[in-house]
Protein backbone atom coordinates (compact mmCIF):
# COMPACT_ATOMS: atom_id res chain seq x y z
CA MET A 1 207.56 152.54 284.39
CA TRP A 2 204.15 150.82 284.59
CA CYS A 3 202.26 153.77 283.16
CA GLN A 4 204.77 154.19 280.36
CA ARG A 5 204.51 150.53 279.34
CA LEU A 6 200.71 150.67 279.38
CA HIS A 7 200.77 153.88 277.33
CA GLU A 8 203.08 152.24 274.77
CA LEU A 9 200.60 149.36 274.41
CA LYS A 10 197.46 151.50 274.52
CA ASP A 11 195.92 150.20 271.30
CA ASP A 12 196.26 146.58 272.40
CA ALA A 13 194.97 147.34 275.89
CA VAL A 14 191.93 149.26 274.63
CA ARG A 15 191.14 146.45 272.23
CA LEU A 16 191.21 143.96 275.13
CA VAL A 17 189.32 145.89 277.84
CA GLY A 18 187.78 148.99 276.24
CA GLU A 19 188.57 152.69 276.57
CA GLU A 20 186.90 153.23 279.96
CA ALA A 21 188.70 150.34 281.70
CA PHE A 22 191.98 151.41 280.10
CA ARG A 23 191.61 154.96 281.44
CA LEU A 24 190.71 153.74 284.92
CA TYR A 25 193.67 151.38 285.06
CA GLN A 26 195.99 154.11 283.74
CA LEU A 27 194.81 156.39 286.56
CA TYR A 28 195.28 153.57 289.10
CA LEU A 29 198.85 152.91 287.90
CA ALA A 30 199.70 156.61 287.97
CA GLY A 31 198.48 156.82 291.58
CA CYS A 32 200.48 153.72 292.53
CA SER A 33 203.59 155.13 290.90
CA LEU A 34 203.26 158.38 292.85
CA ALA A 35 202.67 156.52 296.11
CA PHE A 36 205.78 154.39 295.61
CA GLN A 37 207.89 157.42 294.69
CA ASN A 38 206.74 159.34 297.76
CA GLY A 39 207.04 156.38 300.12
CA GLY A 40 203.33 156.42 300.83
CA ALA A 41 202.42 153.01 299.42
CA ARG A 42 200.96 150.45 301.79
CA LEU A 43 200.62 146.87 300.64
CA TYR A 44 198.17 144.41 302.15
CA GLN A 45 197.44 140.85 301.16
CA VAL A 46 194.06 139.26 301.77
CA LEU A 47 193.20 135.60 301.30
CA ALA A 48 189.52 134.76 300.99
CA ALA A 49 188.06 131.27 301.03
CA ASN A 50 184.58 129.97 300.51
CA ARG A 51 183.99 127.53 303.39
CA TRP A 52 180.75 126.35 301.83
CA LEU A 53 182.66 124.90 298.87
CA GLU A 54 184.98 123.02 301.23
CA ARG A 55 182.01 121.15 302.78
CA THR A 56 180.61 119.85 299.51
């Protein structure tokens, strides 16, 4: 689903981010799709904060 949608909008995506970034993201989405289909996906959420900014 994700890869198909990206492929359908390839020209727009390449125009926005370039060919190399498009190909990398397409590979990433294909890997994610396979992981979800095979039940091997693991999701983690990380929250980062800059404590220095909080003190100023």
